[in-house]
Amino acid sequence: MSNRKCPIEVLAVAWLYILVGTLGLVRHFPRALVFHWDDIWILLTELLAVIAGVFMLRGNNWARWLAIAWILFHVAISWPVVRQLVVHSVITILIVALLFRRDARQYFTSGQPSAGAD
């Protein structure tokens, strides 16, 4: 890992994902002790949020895309409920805006090898 400094917006989004994922895991875990497929998918989704947050802190570009896919998934499953759809859509716009600011883009790409590197 290089000495890159994580921008504040990446820190905020990453910790938000870690917090939301962890709280979701804690909230849904007792239900998973009685096996239901839906509960397993919920736990997996929450685990993906934690993974995205942790690896965004490490500067992994794929984690930024996982975070965006995660919130877009929530937009998709919100579809018939207008209030949820609006809330998730606004959150998506904010997250994308933060994760694609110039300093965030530099943070995620500065440690990546360039396409033409030997």
PDB file of N, CA and C in Angstrom:
ATOM      1  N   MET A   1       0.850  -1.167   0.000  1.00  0.00           N
ATOM      2  CA  MET A   1       0.000   0.000   0.000  1.00  0.00           C
ATOM      3  C   MET A   1       0.898   1.233   0.000  1.00  0.00           C
ATOM      4  N   SER A   2       0.529   2.220  -0.754  1.00  0.00           N
ATOM      5  CA  SER A   2       1.315   3.443  -0.843  1.00  0.00           C
ATOM      6  C   SER A   2       0.917   4.408   0.273  1.00  0.00           C
ATOM      7  N   ASN A   3       1.572   5.555   0.294  1.00  0.00           N
ATOM      8  CA  ASN A   3       1.311   6.566   1.311  1.00  0.00           C
ATOM      9  C   ASN A   3       0.246   7.557   0.873  1.00  0.00           C
ATOM     10  N   ARG A   4      -0.655   7.155  -0.001  1.00  0.00           N
ATOM     11  CA  ARG A   4      -1.723   8.044  -0.454  1.00  0.00           C
ATOM     12  C   ARG A   4      -2.621   8.414   0.712  1.00  0.00           C
ATOM     13  N   LYS A   5      -3.045   9.673   0.728  1.00  0.00           N
ATOM     14  CA  LYS A   5      -3.966  10.130   1.763  1.00  0.00           C
ATOM     15  C   LYS A   5      -5.390   9.985   1.254  1.00  0.00           C
ATOM     16  N   CYS A   6      -6.215   9.337   2.047  1.00  0.00           N
ATOM     17  CA  CYS A   6      -7.609   9.114   1.680  1.00  0.00           C
ATOM     18  C   CYS A   6      -8.391  10.417   1.819  1.00  0.00           C
ATOM     19  N   PRO A   7      -9.036  10.881   0.741  1.00  0.00           N
ATOM     20  CA  PRO A   7      -9.838  12.108   0.809  1.00  0.00           C
ATOM     21  C   PRO A   7     -11.007  11.948   1.788  1.00  0.00           C
ATOM     22  N   ILE A   8     -11.406  13.048   2.379  1.00  0.00           N
ATOM     23  CA  ILE A   8     -12.464  13.053   3.393  1.00  0.00           C
ATOM     24  C   ILE A   8     -13.777  12.480   2.851  1.00  0.00           C
ATOM     25  N   GLU A   9     -14.105  12.770   1.581  1.00  0.00           N
ATOM     26  CA  GLU A   9     -15.364  12.244   1.045  1.00  0.00           C
ATOM     27  C   GLU A   9     -15.332  10.728   0.900  1.00  0.00           C
ATOM     28  N   VAL A  10     -14.167  10.184   0.575  1.00  0.00           N
ATOM     29  CA  VAL A  10     -14.030   8.725   0.487  1.00  0.00           C
ATOM     30  C   VAL A  10     -14.121   8.129   1.891  1.00  0.00           C
ATOM     31  N   LEU A  11     -13.466   8.765   2.853  1.00  0.00           N
ATOM     32  CA  LEU A  11     -13.568   8.306   4.249  1.00  0.00           C
ATOM     33  C   LEU A  11     -15.026   8.266   4.692  1.00  0.00           C
ATOM     34  N   ALA A  12     -15.753   9.334   4.409  1.00  0.00           N
ATOM     35  CA  ALA A  12     -17.153   9.419   4.842  1.00  0.00           C
ATOM     36  C   ALA A  12     -18.001   8.328   4.197  1.00  0.00           C
ATOM     37  N   VAL A  13     -17.868   8.156   2.893  1.00  0.00           N
ATOM     38  CA  VAL A  13     -18.674   7.146   2.193  1.00  0.00           C
ATOM     39  C   VAL A  13     -18.269   5.742   2.638  1.00  0.00           C
ATOM     40  N   ALA A  14     -16.975   5.488   2.747  1.00  0.00           N
ATOM     41  CA  ALA A  14     -16.501   4.164   3.154  1.00  0.00           C
ATOM     42  C   ALA A  14     -17.008   3.807   4.548  1.00  0.00           C
ATOM     43  N   TRP A  15     -16.892   4.735   5.492  1.00  0.00           N
ATOM     44  CA  TRP A  15     -17.363   4.455   6.850  1.00  0.00           C
ATOM     45  C   TRP A  15     -18.882   4.337   6.911  1.00  0.00           C
ATOM     46  N   LEU A  16     -19.577   5.074   6.047  1.00  0.00           N
ATOM     47  CA  LEU A  16     -21.029   4.928   5.976  1.00  0.00           C
ATOM     48  C   LEU A  16     -21.397   3.507   5.539  1.00  0.00           C
ATOM     49  N   TYR A  17     -20.697   2.996   4.536  1.00  0.00           N
ATOM     50  CA  TYR A  17     -20.947   1.627   4.066  1.00  0.00           C
ATOM     51  C   TYR A  17     -20.612   0.608   5.152  1.00  0.00           C
ATOM     52  N   ILE A  18     -19.514   0.812   5.839  1.00  0.00           N
ATOM     53  CA  ILE A  18     -19.130  -0.109   6.921  1.00  0.00           C
ATOM     54  C   ILE A  18     -20.185  -0.087   8.020  1.00  0.00           C
ATOM     55  N   LEU A  19     -20.640   1.103   8.383  1.00  0.00           N
ATOM     56  CA  LEU A  19     -21.651   1.242   9.439  1.00  0.00           C
ATOM     57  C   LEU A  19     -22.982   0.610   9.028  1.00  0.00           C
ATOM     58  N   VAL A  20     -23.453   0.957   7.841  1.00  0.00           N
ATOM     59  CA  VAL A  20     -24.738   0.419   7.367  1.00  0.00           C
ATOM     60  C   VAL A  20     -24.662  -1.104   7.230  1.00  0.00           C
ATOM     61  N   GLY A  21     -23.572  -1.604   6.665  1.00  0.00           N
ATOM     62  CA  GLY A  21     -23.417  -3.046   6.503  1.00  0.00           C
ATOM     63  C   GLY A  21     -23.340  -3.768   7.834  1.00  0.00           C
ATOM     64  N   THR A  22     -22.585  -3.219   8.767  1.00  0.00           N
ATOM     65  CA  THR A  22     -22.447  -3.845  10.085  1.00  0.00           C
ATOM     66  C   THR A  22     -23.772  -3.837  10.840  1.00  0.00           C
ATOM     67  N   LEU A  23     -24.453  -2.693  10.829  1.00  0.00           N
ATOM     68  CA  LEU A  23     -25.755  -2.625  11.496  1.00  0.00           C
ATOM     69  C   LEU A  23     -26.756  -3.594  10.858  1.00  0.00           C
ATOM     70  N   GLY A  24     -26.714  -3.704   9.540  1.00  0.00           N
ATOM     71  CA  GLY A  24     -27.593  -4.649   8.857  1.00  0.00           C
ATOM     72  C   GLY A  24     -27.281  -6.087   9.217  1.00  0.00           C
ATOM     73  N   LEU A  25     -25.993  -6.406   9.313  1.00  0.00           N
ATOM     74  CA  LEU A  25     -25.602  -7.765   9.713  1.00  0.00           C
ATOM     75  C   LEU A  25     -26.085  -8.077  11.119  1.00  0.00           C
ATOM     76  N   VAL A  26     -25.878  -7.145  12.033  1.00  0.00           N
ATOM     77  CA  VAL A  26     -26.293  -7.353  13.426  1.00  0.00           C
ATOM     78  C   VAL A  26     -27.814  -7.483  13.513  1.00  0.00           C
ATOM     79  N   ARG A  27     -28.509  -6.650  12.773  1.00  0.00           N
ATOM     80  CA  ARG A  27     -29.973  -6.669  12.815  1.00  0.00           C
ATOM     81  C   ARG A  27     -30.558  -7.946  12.229  1.00  0.00           C
ATOM     82  N   HIS A  28     -29.974  -8.431  11.138  1.00  0.00           N
ATOM     83  CA  HIS A  28     -30.548  -9.583  10.455  1.00  0.00           C
ATOM     84  C   HIS A  28     -29.950 -10.923  10.855  1.00  0.00           C
ATOM     85  N   PHE A  29     -28.827 -10.927  11.547  1.00  0.00           N
ATOM     86  CA  PHE A  29     -28.169 -12.201  11.852  1.00  0.00           C
ATOM     87  C   PHE A  29     -29.028 -13.151  12.677  1.00  0.00           C
ATOM     88  N   PRO A  30     -29.700 -12.688  13.735  1.00  0.00           N
ATOM     89  CA  PRO A  30     -30.506 -13.659  14.507  1.00  0.00           C
ATOM     90  C   PRO A  30     -31.559 -14.370  13.663  1.00  0.00           C
ATOM     91  N   ARG A  31     -32.101 -13.663  12.667  1.00  0.00           N
ATOM     92  CA  ARG A  31     -33.092 -14.296  11.785  1.00  0.00           C
ATOM     93  C   ARG A  31     -32.460 -15.369  10.920  1.00  0.00           C
ATOM     94  N   ALA A  32     -31.164 -15.240  10.647  1.00  0.00           N
ATOM     95  CA  ALA A  32     -30.490 -16.206   9.774  1.00  0.00           C
ATOM     96  C   ALA A  32     -30.275 -17.547  10.475  1.00  0.00           C
ATOM     97  N   LEU A  33     -30.396 -17.573  11.801  1.00  0.00           N
ATOM     98  CA  LEU A  33     -30.234 -18.831  12.531  1.00  0.00           C
ATOM     99  C   LEU A  33     -31.362 -19.805  12.199  1.00  0.00           C
ATOM    100  N   VAL A  34     -32.507 -19.280  11.818  1.00  0.00           N
ATOM    101  CA  VAL A  34     -33.601 -20.092  11.298  1.00  0.00           C
ATOM    102  C   VAL A  34     -33.531 -19.912   9.784  1.00  0.00           C
ATOM    103  N   PHE A  35     -33.152 -20.956   9.082  1.00  0.00           N
ATOM    104  CA  PHE A  35     -32.791 -20.837   7.668  1.00  0.00           C
ATOM    105  C   PHE A  35     -33.951 -20.389   6.776  1.00  0.00           C
ATOM    106  N   HIS A  36     -33.724 -19.276   6.098  1.00  0.00           N
ATOM    107  CA  HIS A  36     -34.586 -18.775   5.034  1.00  0.00           C
ATOM    108  C   HIS A  36     -33.665 -18.192   3.967  1.00  0.00           C
ATOM    109  N   TRP A  37     -33.924 -18.509   2.727  1.00  0.00           N
ATOM    110  CA  TRP A  37     -33.073 -18.000   1.645  1.00  0.00           C
ATOM    111  C   TRP A  37     -33.038 -16.474   1.619  1.00  0.00           C
ATOM    112  N   ASP A  38     -34.169 -15.841   1.863  1.00  0.00           N
ATOM    113  CA  ASP A  38     -34.206 -14.373   1.838  1.00  0.00           C
ATOM    114  C   ASP A  38     -33.231 -13.771   2.844  1.00  0.00           C
ATOM    115  N   ASP A  39     -33.153 -14.382   4.025  1.00  0.00           N
ATOM    116  CA  ASP A  39     -32.241 -13.871   5.050  1.00  0.00           C
ATOM    117  C   ASP A  39     -30.781 -14.025   4.632  1.00  0.00           C
ATOM    118  N   ILE A  40     -30.459 -15.096   3.961  1.00  0.00           N
ATOM    119  CA  ILE A  40     -29.091 -15.310   3.495  1.00  0.00           C
ATOM    120  C   ILE A  40     -28.721 -14.221   2.476  1.00  0.00           C
ATOM    121  N   TRP A  41     -29.634 -13.910   1.571  1.00  0.00           N
ATOM    122  CA  TRP A  41     -29.366 -12.868   0.572  1.00  0.00           C
ATOM    123  C   TRP A  41     -29.212 -11.498   1.232  1.00  0.00           C
ATOM    124  N   ILE A  42     -29.999 -11.240   2.257  1.00  0.00           N
ATOM    125  CA  ILE A  42     -29.874  -9.970   2.981  1.00  0.00           C
ATOM    126  C   ILE A  42     -28.511  -9.883   3.660  1.00  0.00           C
ATOM    127  N   LEU A  43     -28.098 -10.963   4.324  1.00  0.00           N
ATOM    128  CA  LEU A  43     -26.792 -10.971   4.992  1.00  0.00           C
ATOM    129  C   LEU A  43     -25.659 -10.791   3.982  1.00  0.00           C
ATOM    130  N   LEU A  44     -25.776 -11.438   2.844  1.00  0.00           N
ATOM    131  CA  LEU A  44     -24.756 -11.296   1.802  1.00  0.00           C
ATOM    132  C   LEU A  44     -24.680  -9.856   1.314  1.00  0.00           C
ATOM    133  N   THR A  45     -25.834  -9.230   1.134  1.00  0.00           N
ATOM    134  CA  THR A  45     -25.879  -7.838   0.696  1.00  0.00           C
ATOM    135  C   THR A  45     -25.207  -6.930   1.724  1.00  0.00           C
ATOM    136  N   GLU A  46     -25.487  -7.147   2.996  1.00  0.00           N
ATOM    137  CA  GLU A  46     -24.879  -6.324   4.052  1.00  0.00           C
ATOM    138  C   GLU A  46     -23.370  -6.568   4.126  1.00  0.00           C
ATOM    139  N   LEU A  47     -22.953  -7.805   3.938  1.00  0.00           N
ATOM    140  CA  LEU A  47     -21.527  -8.123   3.934  1.00  0.00           C
ATOM    141  C   LEU A  47     -20.822  -7.416   2.770  1.00  0.00           C
ATOM    142  N   LEU A  48     -21.470  -7.339   1.630  1.00  0.00           N
ATOM    143  CA  LEU A  48     -20.894  -6.624   0.482  1.00  0.00           C
ATOM    144  C   LEU A  48     -20.701  -5.137   0.786  1.00  0.00           C
ATOM    145  N   ALA A  49     -21.610  -4.546   1.566  1.00  0.00           N
ATOM    146  CA  ALA A  49     -21.448  -3.145   1.955  1.00  0.00           C
ATOM    147  C   ALA A  49     -20.198  -2.968   2.805  1.00  0.00           C
ATOM    148  N   VAL A  50     -19.987  -3.876   3.755  1.00  0.00           N
ATOM    149  CA  VAL A  50     -18.791  -3.803   4.613  1.00  0.00           C
ATOM    150  C   VAL A  50     -17.535  -3.980   3.770  1.00  0.00           C
ATOM    151  N   ILE A  51     -17.540  -4.948   2.873  1.00  0.00           N
ATOM    152  CA  ILE A  51     -16.380  -5.197   2.001  1.00  0.00           C
ATOM    153  C   ILE A  51     -16.087  -3.963   1.157  1.00  0.00           C
ATOM    154  N   ALA A  52     -17.122  -3.363   0.575  1.00  0.00           N
ATOM    155  CA  ALA A  52     -16.920  -2.159  -0.242  1.00  0.00           C
ATOM    156  C   ALA A  52     -16.298  -1.049   0.599  1.00  0.00           C
ATOM    157  N   GLY A  53     -16.803  -0.842   1.804  1.00  0.00           N
ATOM    158  CA  GLY A  53     -16.267   0.208   2.660  1.00  0.00           C
ATOM    159  C   GLY A  53     -14.817  -0.020   3.047  1.00  0.00           C
ATOM    160  N   VAL A  54     -14.499  -1.217   3.469  1.00  0.00           N
ATOM    161  CA  VAL A  54     -13.124  -1.533   3.895  1.00  0.00           C
ATOM    162  C   VAL A  54     -12.148  -1.361   2.736  1.00  0.00           C
ATOM    163  N   PHE A  55     -12.503  -1.866   1.580  1.00  0.00           N
ATOM    164  CA  PHE A  55     -11.566  -1.806   0.462  1.00  0.00           C
ATOM    165  C   PHE A  55     -11.524  -0.429  -0.201  1.00  0.00           C
ATOM    166  N   MET A  56     -12.573   0.387  -0.025  1.00  0.00           N
ATOM    167  CA  MET A  56     -12.458   1.780  -0.464  1.00  0.00           C
ATOM    168  C   MET A  56     -11.430   2.505   0.399  1.00  0.00           C
ATOM    169  N   LEU A  57     -11.395   2.215   1.691  1.00  0.00           N
ATOM    170  CA  LEU A  57     -10.393   2.817   2.574  1.00  0.00           C
ATOM    171  C   LEU A  57      -8.979   2.436   2.148  1.00  0.00           C
ATOM    172  N   ARG A  58      -8.839   1.257   1.577  1.00  0.00           N
ATOM    173  CA  ARG A  58      -7.533   0.791   1.102  1.00  0.00           C
ATOM    174  C   ARG A  58      -7.193   1.331  -0.287  1.00  0.00           C
ATOM    175  N   GLY A  59      -8.156   2.016  -0.914  1.00  0.00           N
ATOM    176  CA  GLY A  59      -7.902   2.630  -2.210  1.00  0.00           C
ATOM    177  C   GLY A  59      -8.151   1.737  -3.404  1.00  0.00           C
ATOM    178  N   ASN A  60      -8.857   0.632  -3.209  1.00  0.00           N
ATOM    179  CA  ASN A  60      -9.144  -0.273  -4.319  1.00  0.00           C
ATOM    180  C   ASN A  60     -10.275   0.271  -5.179  1.00  0.00           C
ATOM    181  N   ASN A  61      -9.993   0.505  -6.453  1.00  0.00           N
ATOM    182  CA  ASN A  61     -10.975   1.085  -7.365  1.00  0.00           C
ATOM    183  C   ASN A  61     -12.201   0.192  -7.535  1.00  0.00           C
ATOM    184  N   TRP A  62     -12.024  -1.121  -7.550  1.00  0.00           N
ATOM    185  CA  TRP A  62     -13.167  -2.026  -7.707  1.00  0.00           C
ATOM    186  C   TRP A  62     -14.168  -1.854  -6.568  1.00  0.00           C
ATOM    187  N   ALA A  63     -13.691  -1.469  -5.388  1.00  0.00           N
ATOM    188  CA  ALA A  63     -14.582  -1.283  -4.238  1.00  0.00           C
ATOM    189  C   ALA A  63     -15.487  -0.075  -4.447  1.00  0.00           C
ATOM    190  N   ARG A  64     -14.972   0.939  -5.119  1.00  0.00           N
ATOM    191  CA  ARG A  64     -15.797   2.100  -5.451  1.00  0.00           C
ATOM    192  C   ARG A  64     -16.947   1.665  -6.356  1.00  0.00           C
ATOM    193  N   TRP A  65     -16.649   0.829  -7.338  1.00  0.00           N
ATOM    194  CA  TRP A  65     -17.686   0.343  -8.246  1.00  0.00           C
ATOM    195  C   TRP A  65     -18.652  -0.597  -7.536  1.00  0.00           C
ATOM    196  N   LEU A  66     -18.143  -1.405  -6.606  1.00  0.00           N
ATOM    197  CA  LEU A  66     -19.017  -2.271  -5.812  1.00  0.00           C
ATOM    198  C   LEU A  66     -19.981  -1.418  -4.984  1.00  0.00           C
ATOM    199  N   ALA A  67     -19.488  -0.342  -4.396  1.00  0.00           N
ATOM    200  CA  ALA A  67     -20.336   0.554  -3.610  1.00  0.00           C
ATOM    201  C   ALA A  67     -21.452   1.151  -4.472  1.00  0.00           C
ATOM    202  N   ILE A  68     -21.107   1.533  -5.671  1.00  0.00           N
ATOM    203  CA  ILE A  68     -22.114   2.102  -6.575  1.00  0.00           C
ATOM    204  C   ILE A  68     -23.121   1.028  -6.989  1.00  0.00           C
ATOM    205  N   ALA A  69     -22.647  -0.157  -7.300  1.00  0.00           N
ATOM    206  CA  ALA A  69     -23.551  -1.253  -7.654  1.00  0.00           C
ATOM    207  C   ALA A  69     -24.478  -1.582  -6.484  1.00  0.00           C
ATOM    208  N   TRP A  70     -23.945  -1.530  -5.270  1.00  0.00           N
ATOM    209  CA  TRP A  70     -24.720  -1.839  -4.071  1.00  0.00           C
ATOM    210  C   TRP A  70     -25.887  -0.861  -3.916  1.00  0.00           C
ATOM    211  N   ILE A  71     -25.610   0.423  -4.059  1.00  0.00           N
ATOM    212  CA  ILE A  71     -26.680   1.401  -3.884  1.00  0.00           C
ATOM    213  C   ILE A  71     -27.650   1.374  -5.075  1.00  0.00           C
ATOM    214  N   LEU A  72     -27.152   1.104  -6.274  1.00  0.00           N
ATOM    215  CA  LEU A  72     -28.053   0.967  -7.431  1.00  0.00           C
ATOM    216  C   LEU A  72     -28.988  -0.228  -7.259  1.00  0.00           C
ATOM    217  N   PHE A  73     -28.486  -1.287  -6.658  1.00  0.00           N
ATOM    218  CA  PHE A  73     -29.327  -2.447  -6.347  1.00  0.00           C
ATOM    219  C   PHE A  73     -30.475  -2.024  -5.427  1.00  0.00           C
ATOM    220  N   HIS A  74     -30.168  -1.176  -4.448  1.00  0.00           N
ATOM    221  CA  HIS A  74     -31.207  -0.702  -3.544  1.00  0.00           C
ATOM    222  C   HIS A  74     -32.220   0.208  -4.248  1.00  0.00           C
ATOM    223  N   VAL A  75     -31.754   0.959  -5.225  1.00  0.00           N
ATOM    224  CA  VAL A  75     -32.687   1.750  -6.029  1.00  0.00           C
ATOM    225  C   VAL A  75     -33.631   0.797  -6.767  1.00  0.00           C
ATOM    226  N   ALA A  76     -33.067  -0.241  -7.354  1.00  0.00           N
ATOM    227  CA  ALA A  76     -33.873  -1.190  -8.140  1.00  0.00           C
ATOM    228  C   ALA A  76     -34.913  -1.902  -7.278  1.00  0.00           C
ATOM    229  N   ILE A  77     -34.540  -2.328  -6.084  1.00  0.00           N
ATOM    230  CA  ILE A  77     -35.515  -3.058  -5.262  1.00  0.00           C
ATOM    231  C   ILE A  77     -36.504  -2.123  -4.574  1.00  0.00           C
ATOM    232  N   SER A  78     -36.286  -0.815  -4.683  1.00  0.00           N
ATOM    233  CA  SER A  78     -37.210   0.169  -4.115  1.00  0.00           C
ATOM    234  C   SER A  78     -38.355   0.483  -5.068  1.00  0.00           C
ATOM    235  N   TRP A  79     -38.293  -0.038  -6.268  1.00  0.00           N
ATOM    236  CA  TRP A  79     -39.125   0.409  -7.379  1.00  0.00           C
ATOM    237  C   TRP A  79     -40.573   0.744  -7.051  1.00  0.00           C
ATOM    238  N   PRO A  80     -41.405  -0.135  -6.550  1.00  0.00           N
ATOM    239  CA  PRO A  80     -42.810   0.283  -6.461  1.00  0.00           C
ATOM    240  C   PRO A  80     -43.095   1.312  -5.358  1.00  0.00           C
ATOM    241  N   VAL A  81     -42.196   1.465  -4.401  1.00  0.00           N
ATOM    242  CA  VAL A  81     -42.431   2.385  -3.283  1.00  0.00           C
ATOM    243  C   VAL A  81     -41.746   3.709  -3.595  1.00  0.00           C
ATOM    244  N   VAL A  82     -42.537   4.714  -3.956  1.00  0.00           N
ATOM    245  CA  VAL A  82     -42.009   5.990  -4.449  1.00  0.00           C
ATOM    246  C   VAL A  82     -41.071   6.647  -3.439  1.00  0.00           C
ATOM    247  N   ARG A  83     -41.447   6.669  -2.177  1.00  0.00           N
ATOM    248  CA  ARG A  83     -40.608   7.322  -1.162  1.00  0.00           C
ATOM    249  C   ARG A  83     -39.230   6.670  -1.092  1.00  0.00           C
ATOM    250  N   GLN A  84     -39.186   5.344  -1.027  1.00  0.00           N
ATOM    251  CA  GLN A  84     -37.901   4.626  -0.984  1.00  0.00           C
ATOM    252  C   GLN A  84     -37.104   4.865  -2.263  1.00  0.00           C
ATOM    253  N   LEU A  85     -37.791   4.864  -3.380  1.00  0.00           N
ATOM    254  CA  LEU A  85     -37.131   5.094  -4.661  1.00  0.00           C
ATOM    255  C   LEU A  85     -36.470   6.471  -4.691  1.00  0.00           C
ATOM    256  N   VAL A  86     -37.151   7.472  -4.218  1.00  0.00           N
ATOM    257  CA  VAL A  86     -36.608   8.832  -4.191  1.00  0.00           C
ATOM    258  C   VAL A  86     -35.420   8.911  -3.240  1.00  0.00           C
ATOM    259  N   VAL A  87     -35.574   8.379  -2.036  1.00  0.00           N
ATOM    260  CA  VAL A  87     -34.490   8.424  -1.043  1.00  0.00           C
ATOM    261  C   VAL A  87     -33.249   7.712  -1.568  1.00  0.00           C
ATOM    262  N   HIS A  88     -33.409   6.486  -2.077  1.00  0.00           N
ATOM    263  CA  HIS A  88     -32.260   5.743  -2.596  1.00  0.00           C
ATOM    264  C   HIS A  88     -31.648   6.428  -3.814  1.00  0.00           C
ATOM    265  N   SER A  89     -32.463   7.046  -4.635  1.00  0.00           N
ATOM    266  CA  SER A  89     -31.941   7.756  -5.808  1.00  0.00           C
ATOM    267  C   SER A  89     -31.107   8.968  -5.400  1.00  0.00           C
ATOM    268  N   VAL A  90     -31.586   9.716  -4.426  1.00  0.00           N
ATOM    269  CA  VAL A  90     -30.824  10.876  -3.937  1.00  0.00           C
ATOM    270  C   VAL A  90     -29.507  10.425  -3.308  1.00  0.00           C
ATOM    271  N   ILE A  91     -29.558   9.375  -2.520  1.00  0.00           N
ATOM    272  CA  ILE A  91     -28.335   8.845  -1.909  1.00  0.00           C
ATOM    273  C   ILE A  91     -27.366   8.384  -2.994  1.00  0.00           C
ATOM    274  N   THR A  92     -27.874   7.744  -4.034  1.00  0.00           N
ATOM    275  CA  THR A  92     -27.030   7.291  -5.146  1.00  0.00           C
ATOM    276  C   THR A  92     -26.324   8.470  -5.801  1.00  0.00           C
ATOM    277  N   ILE A  93     -27.065   9.518  -6.078  1.00  0.00           N
ATOM    278  CA  ILE A  93     -26.474  10.707  -6.715  1.00  0.00           C
ATOM    279  C   ILE A  93     -25.375  11.293  -5.833  1.00  0.00           C
ATOM    280  N   LEU A  94     -25.625  11.389  -4.539  1.00  0.00           N
ATOM    281  CA  LEU A  94     -24.622  11.928  -3.617  1.00  0.00           C
ATOM    282  C   LEU A  94     -23.364  11.050  -3.564  1.00  0.00           C
ATOM    283  N   ILE A  95     -23.565   9.752  -3.475  1.00  0.00           N
ATOM    284  CA  ILE A  95     -22.423   8.832  -3.393  1.00  0.00           C
ATOM    285  C   ILE A  95     -21.596   8.885  -4.674  1.00  0.00           C
ATOM    286  N   VAL A  96     -22.254   8.850  -5.817  1.00  0.00           N
ATOM    287  CA  VAL A  96     -21.530   8.917  -7.090  1.00  0.00           C
ATOM    288  C   VAL A  96     -20.780  10.242  -7.201  1.00  0.00           C
ATOM    289  N   ALA A  97     -21.430  11.330  -6.825  1.00  0.00           N
ATOM    290  CA  ALA A  97     -20.769  12.641  -6.880  1.00  0.00           C
ATOM    291  C   ALA A  97     -19.533  12.670  -5.987  1.00  0.00           C
ATOM    292  N   LEU A  98     -19.630  12.123  -4.798  1.00  0.00           N
ATOM    293  CA  LEU A  98     -18.490  12.118  -3.880  1.00  0.00           C
ATOM    294  C   LEU A  98     -17.365  11.207  -4.359  1.00  0.00           C
ATOM    295  N   LEU A  99     -17.727  10.027  -4.853  1.00  0.00           N
ATOM    296  CA  LEU A  99     -16.699   9.059  -5.255  1.00  0.00           C
ATOM    297  C   LEU A  99     -16.046   9.384  -6.595  1.00  0.00           C
ATOM    298  N   PHE A 100     -16.598  10.357  -7.322  1.00  0.00           N
ATOM    299  CA  PHE A 100     -15.993  10.730  -8.598  1.00  0.00           C
ATOM    300  C   PHE A 100     -15.495  12.172  -8.619  1.00  0.00           C
ATOM    301  N   ARG A 101     -15.372  12.773  -7.437  1.00  0.00           N
ATOM    302  CA  ARG A 101     -14.699  14.069  -7.368  1.00  0.00           C
ATOM    303  C   ARG A 101     -13.238  13.860  -7.763  1.00  0.00           C
ATOM    304  N   ARG A 102     -12.585  14.927  -8.171  1.00  0.00           N
ATOM    305  CA  ARG A 102     -11.214  14.827  -8.674  1.00  0.00           C
ATOM    306  C   ARG A 102     -10.275  14.146  -7.679  1.00  0.00           C
ATOM    307  N   ASP A 103     -10.289  14.568  -6.417  1.00  0.00           N
ATOM    308  CA  ASP A 103      -9.361  13.972  -5.448  1.00  0.00           C
ATOM    309  C   ASP A 103      -9.694  12.506  -5.176  1.00  0.00           C
ATOM    310  N   ALA A 104     -10.973  12.149  -5.213  1.00  0.00           N
ATOM    311  CA  ALA A 104     -11.357  10.751  -5.033  1.00  0.00           C
ATOM    312  C   ALA A 104     -10.891   9.917  -6.230  1.00  0.00           C
ATOM    313  N   ARG A 105     -11.076  10.437  -7.441  1.00  0.00           N
ATOM    314  CA  ARG A 105     -10.612   9.715  -8.641  1.00  0.00           C
ATOM    315  C   ARG A 105      -9.109   9.495  -8.574  1.00  0.00           C
ATOM    316  N   GLN A 106      -8.380  10.526  -8.173  1.00  0.00           N
ATOM    317  CA  GLN A 106      -6.918  10.398  -8.064  1.00  0.00           C
ATOM    318  C   GLN A 106      -6.539   9.364  -7.008  1.00  0.00           C
ATOM    319  N   TYR A 107      -7.249   9.374  -5.905  1.00  0.00           N
ATOM    320  CA  TYR A 107      -6.976   8.419  -4.828  1.00  0.00           C
ATOM    321  C   TYR A 107      -7.157   6.981  -5.312  1.00  0.00           C
ATOM    322  N   PHE A 108      -8.241   6.741  -6.046  1.00  0.00           N
ATOM    323  CA  PHE A 108      -8.516   5.377  -6.496  1.00  0.00           C
ATOM    324  C   PHE A 108      -7.630   4.944  -7.662  1.00  0.00           C
ATOM    325  N   THR A 109      -7.101   5.878  -8.417  1.00  0.00           N
ATOM    326  CA  THR A 109      -6.300   5.494  -9.584  1.00  0.00           C
ATOM    327  C   THR A 109      -4.802   5.693  -9.390  1.00  0.00           C
ATOM    328  N   SER A 110      -4.373   6.414  -8.345  1.00  0.00           N
ATOM    329  CA  SER A 110      -2.933   6.694  -8.182  1.00  0.00           C
ATOM    330  C   SER A 110      -2.116   5.448  -7.862  1.00  0.00           C
ATOM    331  N   GLY A 111      -2.722   4.463  -7.228  1.00  0.00           N
ATOM    332  CA  GLY A 111      -1.982   3.251  -6.907  1.00  0.00           C
ATOM    333  C   GLY A 111      -2.154   2.152  -7.936  1.00  0.00           C
ATOM    334  N   GLN A 112      -2.941   2.420  -8.975  1.00  0.00           N
ATOM    335  CA  GLN A 112      -3.207   1.426 -10.009  1.00  0.00           C
ATOM    336  C   GLN A 112      -2.143   1.508 -11.103  1.00  0.00           C
ATOM    337  N   PRO A 113      -1.704   0.383 -11.610  1.00  0.00           N
ATOM    338  CA  PRO A 113      -0.778   0.435 -12.726  1.00  0.00           C
ATOM    339  C   PRO A 113      -1.463   0.994 -13.965  1.00  0.00           C
ATOM    340  N   SER A 114      -0.757   1.799 -14.721  1.00  0.00           N
ATOM    341  CA  SER A 114      -1.356   2.356 -15.929  1.00  0.00           C
ATOM    342  C   SER A 114      -1.426   1.289 -17.021  1.00  0.00           C
ATOM    343  N   ALA A 115      -2.297   1.516 -17.998  1.00  0.00           N
ATOM    344  CA  ALA A 115      -2.534   0.521 -19.046  1.00  0.00           C
ATOM    345  C   ALA A 115      -1.286   0.256 -19.883  1.00  0.00           C
ATOM    346  N   GLY A 116      -0.455   1.258 -20.066  1.00  0.00           N
ATOM    347  CA  GLY A 116       0.724   1.092 -20.917  1.00  0.00           C
ATOM    348  C   GLY A 116       1.994   0.825 -20.130  1.00  0.00           C
ATOM    349  N   ALA A 117       1.898   0.571 -18.835  1.00  0.00           N
ATOM    350  CA  ALA A 117       3.097   0.358 -18.011  1.00  0.00           C
ATOM    351  C   ALA A 117       3.745  -0.979 -18.321  1.00  0.00           C
ATOM    352  N   ASP A 118       5.058  -0.982 -18.308  1.00  0.00           N
ATOM    353  CA  ASP A 118       5.805  -2.224 -18.543  1.00  0.00           C
ATOM    354  C   ASP A 118       6.208  -2.852 -17.240  1.00  0.00           C
TER     355      ASP A 118
END
